[in-house]
Amino acid sequence: MLSSFKDEIALIEFRRVVWAWEGVLARLSDEWPDVAAPLLRSARAIAAERLPDGGLDLVIGSWWQPDYEQLSDPVTRTRVAEALSSTLEDNVRLSIVLWPGVNGTPPSTAPENPPDPLAGLPMGARHEAAVCESSLQRRFFAAAWRRGLHLECQRPVLIYRLDFVVPRTLLAAEILAWQSHEHVEGWDRVRDLGAEGWRIISFAGEEVYRDVEHCVDELETEAARR
């Protein structure tokens, strides 16, 4: 199943980092132990995107405030980027963000796992969201579900796969790469699906991270028209 070419490449890069993450951390523990420590405790990749110059734009989220502050320090972030570039054999441009859902006074030790965006959702919703590709997709799905918008995930349509579909409509939502919010009307899939009556709304990953409720507002408004 295909999405836009750039979106698909971003997903491939993200999968590559996720699949390699444990091995990356093991190697960092041997070669860069001080760099590896906060990553081992409370950090995972949120997004990855291949840049036009060939570099890898990598976004890492930390769910423990002390580690987030350490990783966000410019000197530390530079060292982490260098270590990851060496380990991944790539030119990593690194962004550090606080994991969505982290708030309040941090616990004395790092929680083993990040906040679950699906917490409180019924089993059926959690089962539907199991096919989501990333924490950002799960964040969007959960926000929509809590508003009464029960989306279908990874729905195949024609030769494509759509991130989210509003049931009983020809309305879909797509989450793109972290900073990419392309003019989607030019995509082959939008043209092909548009010919079948589909309307596609796209969001950059960073949009979903920073204001998921606003993104759901946009989808909900469009769904009400249909």
N, C-alpha and C. Protein backbone atom coordinates (compact mmCIF):
# COMPACT_ATOMS: atom_id res chain seq x y z
N MET A 1 0.84 -1.19 0.00
CA MET A 1 0.00 0.00 0.00
C MET A 1 0.88 1.25 0.00
N LEU A 2 0.46 2.28 -0.71
CA LEU A 2 1.27 3.46 -0.88
C LEU A 2 0.60 4.68 -0.30
N SER A 3 1.40 5.60 0.19
CA SER A 3 0.92 6.94 0.48
C SER A 3 1.70 7.85 -0.45
N SER A 4 1.94 9.11 -0.08
CA SER A 4 2.80 9.92 -0.92
C SER A 4 4.20 9.36 -0.86
N PHE A 5 5.01 9.62 -1.89
CA PHE A 5 6.36 9.09 -1.91
C PHE A 5 7.15 9.59 -0.71
N LYS A 6 7.10 10.90 -0.44
CA LYS A 6 7.87 11.46 0.67
C LYS A 6 7.38 10.92 2.00
N ASP A 7 6.07 10.79 2.15
CA ASP A 7 5.50 10.27 3.38
C ASP A 7 5.93 8.82 3.59
N GLU A 8 5.94 8.04 2.50
CA GLU A 8 6.35 6.65 2.60
C GLU A 8 7.82 6.54 2.98
N ILE A 9 8.67 7.40 2.38
CA ILE A 9 10.09 7.38 2.72
C ILE A 9 10.29 7.74 4.19
N ALA A 10 9.54 8.75 4.68
CA ALA A 10 9.64 9.12 6.10
C ALA A 10 9.27 7.94 6.99
N LEU A 11 8.23 7.19 6.60
CA LEU A 11 7.81 6.05 7.39
C LEU A 11 8.88 4.96 7.38
N ILE A 12 9.50 4.75 6.24
CA ILE A 12 10.58 3.77 6.15
C ILE A 12 11.75 4.17 7.05
N GLU A 13 12.12 5.45 7.03
CA GLU A 13 13.20 5.92 7.89
C GLU A 13 12.84 5.73 9.35
N PHE A 14 11.59 6.04 9.71
CA PHE A 14 11.16 5.88 11.09
C PHE A 14 11.23 4.41 11.51
N ARG A 15 10.74 3.52 10.66
CA ARG A 15 10.80 2.09 10.98
C ARG A 15 12.25 1.63 11.16
N ARG A 16 13.12 2.12 10.29
CA ARG A 16 14.53 1.72 10.37
C ARG A 16 15.12 2.09 11.72
N VAL A 17 14.82 3.30 12.19
CA VAL A 17 15.35 3.74 13.48
C VAL A 17 14.74 2.93 14.61
N VAL A 18 13.42 2.71 14.56
CA VAL A 18 12.75 1.96 15.63
C VAL A 18 13.29 0.54 15.71
N TRP A 19 13.43 -0.11 14.56
CA TRP A 19 13.91 -1.49 14.55
C TRP A 19 15.37 -1.58 15.04
N ALA A 20 16.15 -0.55 14.77
CA ALA A 20 17.57 -0.57 15.14
C ALA A 20 17.82 -0.03 16.54
N TRP A 21 16.78 0.50 17.20
CA TRP A 21 17.00 1.29 18.42
C TRP A 21 17.71 0.51 19.52
N GLU A 22 17.28 -0.72 19.80
CA GLU A 22 17.91 -1.50 20.87
C GLU A 22 19.38 -1.75 20.57
N GLY A 23 19.67 -2.09 19.31
CA GLY A 23 21.06 -2.29 18.93
C GLY A 23 21.87 -1.01 19.02
N VAL A 24 21.25 0.10 18.63
CA VAL A 24 21.91 1.40 18.72
C VAL A 24 22.27 1.71 20.17
N LEU A 25 21.33 1.49 21.08
CA LEU A 25 21.58 1.79 22.49
C LEU A 25 22.64 0.86 23.07
N ALA A 26 22.64 -0.40 22.64
CA ALA A 26 23.66 -1.33 23.13
C ALA A 26 25.06 -0.87 22.71
N ARG A 27 25.17 -0.43 21.47
CA ARG A 27 26.48 0.05 20.99
C ARG A 27 26.87 1.35 21.68
N LEU A 28 25.89 2.24 21.86
CA LEU A 28 26.18 3.49 22.56
C LEU A 28 26.63 3.23 24.00
N SER A 29 26.04 2.23 24.65
CA SER A 29 26.41 1.90 26.03
C SER A 29 27.87 1.51 26.13
N ASP A 30 28.38 0.87 25.07
CA ASP A 30 29.79 0.47 25.07
C ASP A 30 30.71 1.62 24.72
N GLU A 31 30.32 2.44 23.75
CA GLU A 31 31.23 3.45 23.21
C GLU A 31 31.00 4.86 23.76
N TRP A 32 29.75 5.16 24.13
CA TRP A 32 29.39 6.49 24.63
C TRP A 32 28.48 6.33 25.86
N PRO A 33 28.97 5.73 26.93
CA PRO A 33 28.07 5.39 28.05
C PRO A 33 27.34 6.58 28.67
N ASP A 34 28.00 7.73 28.76
CA ASP A 34 27.32 8.89 29.35
C ASP A 34 26.23 9.42 28.44
N VAL A 35 26.42 9.30 27.13
CA VAL A 35 25.40 9.70 26.17
C VAL A 35 24.24 8.73 26.19
N ALA A 36 24.55 7.45 26.34
CA ALA A 36 23.52 6.41 26.28
C ALA A 36 22.58 6.45 27.49
N ALA A 37 23.07 6.89 28.64
CA ALA A 37 22.30 6.77 29.89
C ALA A 37 20.90 7.38 29.80
N PRO A 38 20.74 8.66 29.41
CA PRO A 38 19.37 9.22 29.37
C PRO A 38 18.52 8.60 28.26
N LEU A 39 19.16 8.16 27.18
CA LEU A 39 18.40 7.50 26.11
C LEU A 39 17.87 6.16 26.57
N LEU A 40 18.67 5.44 27.32
CA LEU A 40 18.25 4.14 27.85
C LEU A 40 17.12 4.29 28.86
N ARG A 41 17.19 5.34 29.67
CA ARG A 41 16.21 5.51 30.74
C ARG A 41 14.84 5.91 30.22
N SER A 42 14.80 6.86 29.29
CA SER A 42 13.50 7.48 29.05
C SER A 42 13.37 8.12 27.69
N ALA A 43 13.82 7.47 26.65
CA ALA A 43 13.74 8.13 25.34
C ALA A 43 13.49 7.12 24.23
N ARG A 44 12.71 7.56 23.25
CA ARG A 44 12.46 6.79 22.05
C ARG A 44 12.29 7.74 20.88
N ALA A 45 12.48 7.21 19.68
CA ALA A 45 12.27 8.00 18.48
C ALA A 45 10.78 8.26 18.28
N ILE A 46 10.43 9.48 17.92
CA ILE A 46 9.05 9.87 17.63
C ILE A 46 8.85 10.01 16.11
N ALA A 47 9.88 10.52 15.43
CA ALA A 47 9.77 10.72 13.98
C ALA A 47 11.15 10.70 13.37
N ALA A 48 11.22 10.36 12.09
CA ALA A 48 12.48 10.40 11.35
C ALA A 48 12.15 10.72 9.90
N GLU A 49 12.98 11.55 9.29
CA GLU A 49 12.71 11.98 7.92
C GLU A 49 14.03 12.22 7.20
N ARG A 50 14.14 11.71 5.97
CA ARG A 50 15.32 11.96 5.15
C ARG A 50 15.26 13.37 4.58
N LEU A 51 16.31 14.14 4.81
CA LEU A 51 16.36 15.53 4.38
C LEU A 51 16.85 15.63 2.93
N PRO A 52 16.56 16.74 2.25
CA PRO A 52 16.98 16.90 0.85
C PRO A 52 18.49 16.76 0.66
N ASP A 53 19.29 17.17 1.67
CA ASP A 53 20.75 17.08 1.54
C ASP A 53 21.29 15.71 1.91
N GLY A 54 20.39 14.76 2.21
CA GLY A 54 20.81 13.40 2.54
C GLY A 54 20.90 13.11 4.02
N GLY A 55 20.82 14.15 4.87
CA GLY A 55 20.87 13.93 6.31
C GLY A 55 19.58 13.31 6.83
N LEU A 56 19.65 12.84 8.07
CA LEU A 56 18.49 12.22 8.72
C LEU A 56 18.00 13.13 9.83
N ASP A 57 16.78 13.63 9.69
CA ASP A 57 16.14 14.46 10.71
C ASP A 57 15.48 13.51 11.70
N LEU A 58 16.02 13.43 12.90
CA LEU A 58 15.55 12.48 13.92
C LEU A 58 14.98 13.24 15.11
N VAL A 59 13.76 12.90 15.50
CA VAL A 59 13.11 13.52 16.65
C VAL A 59 12.99 12.48 17.74
N ILE A 60 13.57 12.77 18.90
CA ILE A 60 13.54 11.86 20.04
C ILE A 60 12.72 12.50 21.15
N GLY A 61 11.81 11.71 21.72
CA GLY A 61 11.01 12.18 22.84
C GLY A 61 11.46 11.54 24.13
N SER A 62 11.55 12.33 25.19
CA SER A 62 11.92 11.82 26.52
C SER A 62 10.74 12.02 27.46
N TRP A 63 10.42 10.98 28.23
CA TRP A 63 9.26 11.08 29.13
C TRP A 63 9.64 11.32 30.59
N TRP A 64 10.91 11.64 30.84
CA TRP A 64 11.32 12.01 32.21
C TRP A 64 11.97 13.38 32.14
N GLN A 65 11.40 14.35 32.82
CA GLN A 65 11.84 15.74 32.71
C GLN A 65 13.34 15.93 32.92
N PRO A 66 13.95 15.32 33.95
CA PRO A 66 15.40 15.52 34.11
C PRO A 66 16.21 15.06 32.90
N ASP A 67 15.83 13.93 32.30
CA ASP A 67 16.54 13.48 31.10
C ASP A 67 16.27 14.40 29.92
N TYR A 68 15.05 14.86 29.80
CA TYR A 68 14.71 15.80 28.73
C TYR A 68 15.57 17.05 28.83
N GLU A 69 15.71 17.59 30.03
CA GLU A 69 16.51 18.81 30.22
C GLU A 69 17.98 18.54 29.91
N GLN A 70 18.47 17.36 30.31
CA GLN A 70 19.86 17.01 30.01
C GLN A 70 20.08 16.88 28.51
N LEU A 71 19.19 16.16 27.83
CA LEU A 71 19.33 15.95 26.40
C LEU A 71 19.15 17.25 25.61
N SER A 72 18.37 18.18 26.14
CA SER A 72 18.10 19.44 25.45
C SER A 72 19.25 20.43 25.56
N ASP A 73 20.14 20.22 26.51
CA ASP A 73 21.31 21.09 26.62
C ASP A 73 22.07 21.07 25.30
N PRO A 74 22.40 22.24 24.74
CA PRO A 74 23.02 22.27 23.40
C PRO A 74 24.28 21.42 23.28
N VAL A 75 25.13 21.45 24.30
CA VAL A 75 26.37 20.66 24.24
C VAL A 75 26.04 19.17 24.24
N THR A 76 25.14 18.76 25.13
CA THR A 76 24.76 17.35 25.20
C THR A 76 24.07 16.91 23.92
N ARG A 77 23.16 17.74 23.40
CA ARG A 77 22.45 17.38 22.17
C ARG A 77 23.43 17.17 21.01
N THR A 78 24.46 18.02 20.95
CA THR A 78 25.47 17.86 19.90
C THR A 78 26.21 16.54 20.05
N ARG A 79 26.56 16.20 21.28
CA ARG A 79 27.27 14.93 21.51
C ARG A 79 26.38 13.73 21.19
N VAL A 80 25.10 13.83 21.54
CA VAL A 80 24.16 12.74 21.24
C VAL A 80 24.01 12.59 19.73
N ALA A 81 23.90 13.72 19.03
CA ALA A 81 23.78 13.66 17.56
C ALA A 81 25.02 13.03 16.94
N GLU A 82 26.19 13.39 17.45
CA GLU A 82 27.43 12.80 16.94
C GLU A 82 27.46 11.29 17.19
N ALA A 83 27.06 10.89 18.39
CA ALA A 83 27.07 9.47 18.73
C ALA A 83 26.08 8.69 17.87
N LEU A 84 24.90 9.25 17.69
CA LEU A 84 23.89 8.57 16.86
C LEU A 84 24.32 8.54 15.39
N SER A 85 24.96 9.60 14.93
CA SER A 85 25.45 9.62 13.55
C SER A 85 26.46 8.50 13.33
N SER A 86 27.35 8.33 14.31
CA SER A 86 28.35 7.27 14.21
C SER A 86 27.71 5.90 14.27
N THR A 87 26.77 5.72 15.17
CA THR A 87 26.17 4.40 15.38
C THR A 87 25.25 4.02 14.24
N LEU A 88 24.46 4.99 13.75
CA LEU A 88 23.54 4.71 12.65
C LEU A 88 24.21 4.83 11.28
N GLU A 89 25.47 5.29 11.28
CA GLU A 89 26.20 5.52 10.05
C GLU A 89 25.41 6.46 9.14
N ASP A 90 25.05 7.59 9.72
CA ASP A 90 24.21 8.56 9.02
C ASP A 90 24.54 9.94 9.56
N ASN A 91 24.10 10.97 8.86
CA ASN A 91 24.28 12.35 9.31
C ASN A 91 23.01 12.79 10.01
N VAL A 92 22.99 12.63 11.33
CA VAL A 92 21.77 12.85 12.11
C VAL A 92 21.65 14.31 12.52
N ARG A 93 20.50 14.90 12.22
CA ARG A 93 20.12 16.22 12.74
C ARG A 93 19.08 15.95 13.83
N LEU A 94 19.42 16.25 15.05
CA LEU A 94 18.63 15.78 16.19
C LEU A 94 17.77 16.88 16.80
N SER A 95 16.51 16.52 17.07
CA SER A 95 15.61 17.37 17.85
C SER A 95 15.18 16.57 19.08
N ILE A 96 15.11 17.25 20.21
CA ILE A 96 14.67 16.62 21.46
C ILE A 96 13.36 17.27 21.89
N VAL A 97 12.35 16.46 22.16
CA VAL A 97 11.06 16.99 22.64
C VAL A 97 10.65 16.22 23.88
N LEU A 98 9.80 16.86 24.67
CA LEU A 98 9.22 16.19 25.83
C LEU A 98 8.08 15.30 25.34
N TRP A 99 8.05 14.08 25.83
CA TRP A 99 7.05 13.13 25.37
C TRP A 99 5.64 13.66 25.62
N PRO A 100 4.74 13.54 24.65
CA PRO A 100 3.36 14.00 24.85
C PRO A 100 2.73 13.35 26.08
N GLY A 101 2.02 14.15 26.85
CA GLY A 101 1.34 13.62 28.02
C GLY A 101 2.13 13.75 29.31
N VAL A 102 3.39 14.19 29.22
CA VAL A 102 4.20 14.37 30.43
C VAL A 102 3.85 15.72 31.03
N ASN A 103 3.46 15.71 32.30
CA ASN A 103 3.15 16.97 32.99
C ASN A 103 3.27 16.76 34.48
N GLY A 104 3.26 17.87 35.20
CA GLY A 104 3.35 17.80 36.66
C GLY A 104 4.78 17.58 37.13
N THR A 105 4.93 17.33 38.40
CA THR A 105 6.24 17.12 39.01
C THR A 105 6.78 15.76 38.59
N PRO A 106 8.00 15.70 38.06
CA PRO A 106 8.54 14.41 37.63
C PRO A 106 8.79 13.49 38.81
N PRO A 107 8.61 12.19 38.64
CA PRO A 107 8.92 11.25 39.71
C PRO A 107 10.41 11.24 39.98
N SER A 108 10.80 10.66 41.12
CA SER A 108 12.21 10.67 41.52
C SER A 108 13.07 9.81 40.60
N THR A 109 12.49 8.81 40.00
CA THR A 109 13.20 7.98 39.04
C THR A 109 12.40 7.90 37.74
N ALA A 110 13.08 7.59 36.65
CA ALA A 110 12.43 7.57 35.35
C ALA A 110 11.45 6.40 35.26
N PRO A 111 10.19 6.64 34.86
CA PRO A 111 9.26 5.54 34.61
C PRO A 111 9.81 4.62 33.52
N GLU A 112 9.47 3.34 33.61
CA GLU A 112 10.00 2.38 32.65
C GLU A 112 9.46 2.63 31.25
N ASN A 113 8.20 3.08 31.17
CA ASN A 113 7.57 3.29 29.87
C ASN A 113 6.99 4.70 29.78
N PRO A 114 6.82 5.22 28.57
CA PRO A 114 6.25 6.56 28.40
C PRO A 114 4.75 6.55 28.68
N PRO A 115 4.14 7.72 28.88
CA PRO A 115 2.69 7.78 29.04
C PRO A 115 1.99 7.14 27.84
N ASP A 116 0.94 6.40 28.12
CA ASP A 116 0.19 5.70 27.08
C ASP A 116 -0.91 6.60 26.56
N PRO A 117 -0.84 7.02 25.28
CA PRO A 117 -1.88 7.90 24.75
C PRO A 117 -3.24 7.22 24.68
N LEU A 118 -3.26 5.90 24.74
CA LEU A 118 -4.52 5.16 24.64
C LEU A 118 -5.11 4.84 26.01
N ALA A 119 -4.49 5.34 27.07
CA ALA A 119 -4.97 5.04 28.42
C ALA A 119 -6.42 5.47 28.59
N GLY A 120 -7.22 4.58 29.15
CA GLY A 120 -8.63 4.87 29.38
C GLY A 120 -9.54 4.53 28.23
N LEU A 121 -9.00 4.21 27.07
CA LEU A 121 -9.84 3.84 25.94
C LEU A 121 -10.29 2.39 26.09
N PRO A 122 -11.49 2.06 25.60
CA PRO A 122 -11.97 0.68 25.71
C PRO A 122 -11.14 -0.27 24.86
N MET A 123 -11.27 -1.56 25.15
CA MET A 123 -10.45 -2.55 24.49
C MET A 123 -10.62 -2.52 22.97
N GLY A 124 -11.84 -2.30 22.51
CA GLY A 124 -12.06 -2.25 21.07
C GLY A 124 -11.28 -1.14 20.41
N ALA A 125 -11.24 0.03 21.06
CA ALA A 125 -10.48 1.15 20.52
C ALA A 125 -8.99 0.85 20.53
N ARG A 126 -8.51 0.25 21.60
CA ARG A 126 -7.09 -0.08 21.69
C ARG A 126 -6.71 -1.10 20.62
N HIS A 127 -7.62 -2.02 20.35
CA HIS A 127 -7.36 -3.02 19.31
C HIS A 127 -7.28 -2.33 17.94
N GLU A 128 -8.17 -1.39 17.67
CA GLU A 128 -8.15 -0.66 16.40
C GLU A 128 -6.84 0.12 16.25
N ALA A 129 -6.39 0.73 17.35
CA ALA A 129 -5.20 1.58 17.31
C ALA A 129 -3.90 0.77 17.28
N ALA A 130 -3.99 -0.54 17.47
CA ALA A 130 -2.78 -1.37 17.51
C ALA A 130 -2.00 -1.32 16.20
N VAL A 131 -2.68 -1.00 15.10
CA VAL A 131 -2.00 -0.96 13.81
C VAL A 131 -1.38 0.40 13.51
N CYS A 132 -1.57 1.38 14.39
CA CYS A 132 -0.96 2.68 14.19
C CYS A 132 0.56 2.53 14.16
N GLU A 133 1.20 3.31 13.28
CA GLU A 133 2.64 3.16 13.06
C GLU A 133 3.50 3.90 14.08
N SER A 134 2.95 4.87 14.80
CA SER A 134 3.79 5.70 15.66
C SER A 134 2.99 6.23 16.84
N SER A 135 3.73 6.78 17.81
CA SER A 135 3.08 7.38 18.98
C SER A 135 2.25 8.59 18.56
N LEU A 136 2.67 9.30 17.52
CA LEU A 136 1.90 10.46 17.04
C LEU A 136 0.57 10.02 16.47
N GLN A 137 0.56 8.92 15.74
CA GLN A 137 -0.70 8.40 15.22
C GLN A 137 -1.61 7.96 16.36
N ARG A 138 -1.05 7.29 17.36
CA ARG A 138 -1.87 6.87 18.50
C ARG A 138 -2.41 8.08 19.26
N ARG A 139 -1.60 9.12 19.36
CA ARG A 139 -2.04 10.36 20.02
C ARG A 139 -3.24 10.97 19.29
N PHE A 140 -3.17 11.01 17.98
CA PHE A 140 -4.27 11.57 17.19
C PHE A 140 -5.52 10.70 17.32
N PHE A 141 -5.34 9.39 17.21
CA PHE A 141 -6.47 8.47 17.31
C PHE A 141 -7.17 8.63 18.66
N ALA A 142 -6.39 8.68 19.74
CA ALA A 142 -6.97 8.77 21.08
C ALA A 142 -7.72 10.07 21.28
N ALA A 143 -7.14 11.19 20.80
CA ALA A 143 -7.82 12.48 20.94
C ALA A 143 -9.13 12.48 20.19
N ALA A 144 -9.15 11.89 18.99
CA ALA A 144 -10.38 11.83 18.21
C ALA A 144 -11.41 10.93 18.89
N TRP A 145 -10.97 9.80 19.40
CA TRP A 145 -11.89 8.85 20.05
C TRP A 145 -12.57 9.50 21.25
N ARG A 146 -11.80 10.21 22.04
CA ARG A 146 -12.37 10.85 23.24
C ARG A 146 -13.36 11.96 22.89
N ARG A 147 -13.33 12.41 21.65
CA ARG A 147 -14.28 13.42 21.18
C ARG A 147 -15.47 12.76 20.48
N GLY A 148 -15.51 11.44 20.47
CA GLY A 148 -16.61 10.73 19.83
C GLY A 148 -16.39 10.44 18.36
N LEU A 149 -15.18 10.71 17.87
CA LEU A 149 -14.83 10.44 16.48
C LEU A 149 -14.03 9.14 16.44
N HIS A 150 -14.72 8.04 16.16
CA HIS A 150 -14.12 6.72 16.24
C HIS A 150 -13.59 6.31 14.86
N LEU A 151 -12.30 6.51 14.68
CA LEU A 151 -11.68 6.38 13.37
C LEU A 151 -11.27 4.95 13.07
N GLU A 152 -11.25 4.63 11.78
CA GLU A 152 -10.66 3.38 11.31
C GLU A 152 -9.19 3.66 10.98
N CYS A 153 -8.31 2.76 11.38
CA CYS A 153 -6.87 2.97 11.19
C CYS A 153 -6.33 2.12 10.04
N GLN A 154 -5.41 2.71 9.28
CA GLN A 154 -4.70 2.00 8.21
C GLN A 154 -5.66 1.30 7.25
N ARG A 155 -6.62 2.06 6.78
CA ARG A 155 -7.66 1.53 5.89
C ARG A 155 -7.15 1.44 4.44
N PRO A 156 -7.18 0.25 3.82
CA PRO A 156 -6.78 0.14 2.42
C PRO A 156 -7.88 0.66 1.50
N VAL A 157 -7.48 1.52 0.57
CA VAL A 157 -8.41 2.06 -0.44
C VAL A 157 -7.65 2.10 -1.77
N LEU A 158 -8.21 1.48 -2.80
CA LEU A 158 -7.53 1.34 -4.08
C LEU A 158 -6.16 0.69 -3.82
N ILE A 159 -5.07 1.31 -4.29
CA ILE A 159 -3.74 0.75 -4.04
C ILE A 159 -3.06 1.45 -2.87
N TYR A 160 -3.80 2.24 -2.10
CA TYR A 160 -3.24 3.06 -1.04
C TYR A 160 -3.66 2.54 0.34
N ARG A 161 -2.99 3.08 1.36
CA ARG A 161 -3.40 2.82 2.73
C ARG A 161 -3.49 4.17 3.44
N LEU A 162 -4.65 4.45 4.01
CA LEU A 162 -4.90 5.73 4.66
C LEU A 162 -4.72 5.59 6.16
N ASP A 163 -4.06 6.57 6.77
CA ASP A 163 -3.81 6.50 8.22
C ASP A 163 -5.12 6.37 8.99
N PHE A 164 -6.08 7.26 8.69
CA PHE A 164 -7.35 7.28 9.42
C PHE A 164 -8.49 7.58 8.45
N VAL A 165 -9.60 6.90 8.67
CA VAL A 165 -10.81 7.15 7.90
C VAL A 165 -11.97 7.35 8.86
N VAL A 166 -12.78 8.37 8.61
CA VAL A 166 -14.00 8.56 9.38
C VAL A 166 -15.04 7.56 8.86
N PRO A 167 -15.53 6.67 9.72
CA PRO A 167 -16.47 5.63 9.25
C PRO A 167 -17.68 6.19 8.52
N ARG A 168 -18.10 5.45 7.50
CA ARG A 168 -19.30 5.78 6.70
C ARG A 168 -19.15 7.10 5.95
N THR A 169 -17.91 7.52 5.72
CA THR A 169 -17.66 8.71 4.91
C THR A 169 -16.50 8.43 3.96
N LEU A 170 -16.27 9.36 3.05
CA LEU A 170 -15.09 9.33 2.19
C LEU A 170 -14.12 10.41 2.64
N LEU A 171 -13.92 10.48 3.97
CA LEU A 171 -13.04 11.48 4.57
C LEU A 171 -11.91 10.76 5.32
N ALA A 172 -10.68 11.19 5.04
CA ALA A 172 -9.52 10.56 5.66
C ALA A 172 -8.57 11.61 6.21
N ALA A 173 -7.75 11.20 7.18
CA ALA A 173 -6.70 12.06 7.73
C ALA A 173 -5.37 11.34 7.64
N GLU A 174 -4.33 12.10 7.31
CA GLU A 174 -2.99 11.55 7.17
C GLU A 174 -2.03 12.36 8.04
N ILE A 175 -1.09 11.67 8.71
CA ILE A 175 -0.04 12.34 9.47
C ILE A 175 1.25 12.16 8.69
N LEU A 176 1.85 13.29 8.32
CA LEU A 176 3.03 13.28 7.46
C LEU A 176 4.30 13.26 8.30
N ALA A 177 5.42 13.54 7.66
CA ALA A 177 6.68 13.64 8.38
C ALA A 177 6.64 14.82 9.35
N TRP A 178 7.62 14.90 10.24
CA TRP A 178 7.59 15.83 11.37
C TRP A 178 7.31 17.27 10.96
N GLN A 179 8.08 17.80 10.04
CA GLN A 179 7.92 19.20 9.66
C GLN A 179 7.27 19.37 8.29
N SER A 180 6.90 18.30 7.65
CA SER A 180 6.36 18.39 6.29
C SER A 180 4.86 18.61 6.33
N HIS A 181 4.43 19.68 5.69
CA HIS A 181 3.00 19.90 5.50
C HIS A 181 2.84 20.30 4.04
N GLU A 182 2.97 19.32 3.18
CA GLU A 182 3.03 19.59 1.75
C GLU A 182 1.67 19.98 1.19
N HIS A 183 1.74 20.54 -0.01
CA HIS A 183 0.51 20.86 -0.75
C HIS A 183 0.01 19.56 -1.37
N VAL A 184 -0.89 18.87 -0.68
CA VAL A 184 -1.20 17.48 -1.02
C VAL A 184 -2.00 17.33 -2.31
N GLU A 185 -2.57 18.42 -2.84
CA GLU A 185 -3.38 18.27 -4.04
C GLU A 185 -2.58 17.71 -5.21
N GLY A 186 -1.24 17.84 -5.15
CA GLY A 186 -0.42 17.34 -6.24
C GLY A 186 -0.09 15.86 -6.15
N TRP A 187 -0.39 15.23 -5.03
CA TRP A 187 -0.04 13.83 -4.87
C TRP A 187 -0.91 12.96 -5.78
N ASP A 188 -0.30 11.91 -6.32
CA ASP A 188 -1.05 10.98 -7.14
C ASP A 188 -2.20 10.36 -6.37
N ARG A 189 -1.97 9.99 -5.14
CA ARG A 189 -3.02 9.31 -4.37
C ARG A 189 -4.20 10.24 -4.11
N VAL A 190 -3.91 11.55 -3.87
CA VAL A 190 -5.00 12.50 -3.65
C VAL A 190 -5.81 12.67 -4.93
N ARG A 191 -5.11 12.73 -6.05
CA ARG A 191 -5.80 12.83 -7.33
C ARG A 191 -6.64 11.58 -7.58
N ASP A 192 -6.04 10.41 -7.36
CA ASP A 192 -6.75 9.15 -7.62
C ASP A 192 -7.94 8.98 -6.67
N LEU A 193 -7.71 9.26 -5.39
CA LEU A 193 -8.79 9.10 -4.42
C LEU A 193 -9.84 10.19 -4.59
N GLY A 194 -9.39 11.40 -4.97
CA GLY A 194 -10.35 12.47 -5.22
C GLY A 194 -11.31 12.12 -6.34
N ALA A 195 -10.80 11.39 -7.33
CA ALA A 195 -11.68 10.98 -8.43
C ALA A 195 -12.75 10.01 -7.96
N GLU A 196 -12.49 9.36 -6.82
CA GLU A 196 -13.47 8.45 -6.23
C GLU A 196 -14.31 9.12 -5.16
N GLY A 197 -14.13 10.44 -4.99
CA GLY A 197 -14.94 11.18 -4.03
C GLY A 197 -14.31 11.37 -2.67
N TRP A 198 -13.04 10.96 -2.49
CA TRP A 198 -12.38 11.07 -1.19
C TRP A 198 -11.86 12.48 -0.94
N ARG A 199 -11.88 12.89 0.34
CA ARG A 199 -11.27 14.14 0.80
C ARG A 199 -10.21 13.76 1.82
N ILE A 200 -8.96 14.21 1.58
CA ILE A 200 -7.84 13.88 2.45
C ILE A 200 -7.38 15.14 3.18
N ILE A 201 -7.32 15.07 4.52
CA ILE A 201 -6.78 16.16 5.33
C ILE A 201 -5.44 15.69 5.87
N SER A 202 -4.40 16.51 5.72
CA SER A 202 -3.07 16.11 6.16
C SER A 202 -2.57 17.02 7.28
N PHE A 203 -1.77 16.42 8.17
CA PHE A 203 -1.16 17.15 9.28
C PHE A 203 0.31 16.78 9.37
N ALA A 204 1.16 17.76 9.62
CA ALA A 204 2.56 17.47 9.93
C ALA A 204 2.63 16.80 11.30
N GLY A 205 3.63 15.95 11.48
CA GLY A 205 3.80 15.30 12.78
C GLY A 205 3.93 16.30 13.91
N GLU A 206 4.65 17.39 13.66
CA GLU A 206 4.84 18.40 14.70
C GLU A 206 3.53 19.08 15.07
N GLU A 207 2.62 19.23 14.11
CA GLU A 207 1.30 19.79 14.42
C GLU A 207 0.55 18.91 15.40
N VAL A 208 0.58 17.61 15.15
CA VAL A 208 -0.11 16.67 16.03
C VAL A 208 0.52 16.67 17.41
N TYR A 209 1.84 16.78 17.45
CA TYR A 209 2.55 16.81 18.73
C TYR A 209 2.16 18.05 19.54
N ARG A 210 2.15 19.21 18.89
CA ARG A 210 1.99 20.47 19.63
C ARG A 210 0.53 20.81 19.93
N ASP A 211 -0.40 20.43 19.07
CA ASP A 211 -1.80 20.80 19.30
C ASP A 211 -2.72 19.79 18.64
N VAL A 212 -2.77 18.61 19.21
CA VAL A 212 -3.57 17.54 18.61
C VAL A 212 -5.05 17.90 18.61
N GLU A 213 -5.51 18.65 19.62
CA GLU A 213 -6.93 19.00 19.68
C GLU A 213 -7.33 19.88 18.51
N HIS A 214 -6.45 20.79 18.11
CA HIS A 214 -6.75 21.64 16.96
C HIS A 214 -6.84 20.80 15.69
N CYS A 215 -5.95 19.81 15.56
CA CYS A 215 -6.00 18.93 14.40
C CYS A 215 -7.32 18.15 14.36
N VAL A 216 -7.73 17.66 15.51
CA VAL A 216 -9.01 16.93 15.57
C VAL A 216 -10.17 17.88 15.28
N ASP A 217 -10.07 19.13 15.74
CA ASP A 217 -11.10 20.13 15.42
C ASP A 217 -11.30 20.21 13.91
N GLU A 218 -10.19 20.28 13.19
CA GLU A 218 -10.27 20.42 11.73
C GLU A 218 -10.96 19.21 11.09
N LEU A 219 -10.56 18.02 11.56
CA LEU A 219 -11.19 16.81 11.01
C LEU A 219 -12.66 16.73 11.39
N GLU A 220 -12.97 17.09 12.63
CA GLU A 220 -14.35 17.03 13.12
C GLU A 220 -15.24 18.00 12.34
N THR A 221 -14.72 19.19 12.06
CA THR A 221 -15.49 20.19 11.30
C THR A 221 -15.80 19.66 9.90
N GLU A 222 -14.79 19.07 9.27
CA GLU A 222 -15.01 18.53 7.93
C GLU A 222 -15.97 17.34 7.97
N ALA A 223 -15.86 16.51 9.00
CA ALA A 223 -16.75 15.36 9.11
C ALA A 223 -18.20 15.80 9.27
N ALA A 224 -18.43 16.91 10.00
CA ALA A 224 -19.78 17.42 10.20
C ALA A 224 -20.42 17.87 8.89
N ARG A 225 -19.59 18.32 7.96
CA ARG A 225 -20.11 18.75 6.65
C ARG A 225 -20.54 17.57 5.79
N ARG A 226 -20.07 16.36 6.15
CA ARG A 226 -20.30 15.21 5.31
C ARG A 226 -21.33 14.28 5.93
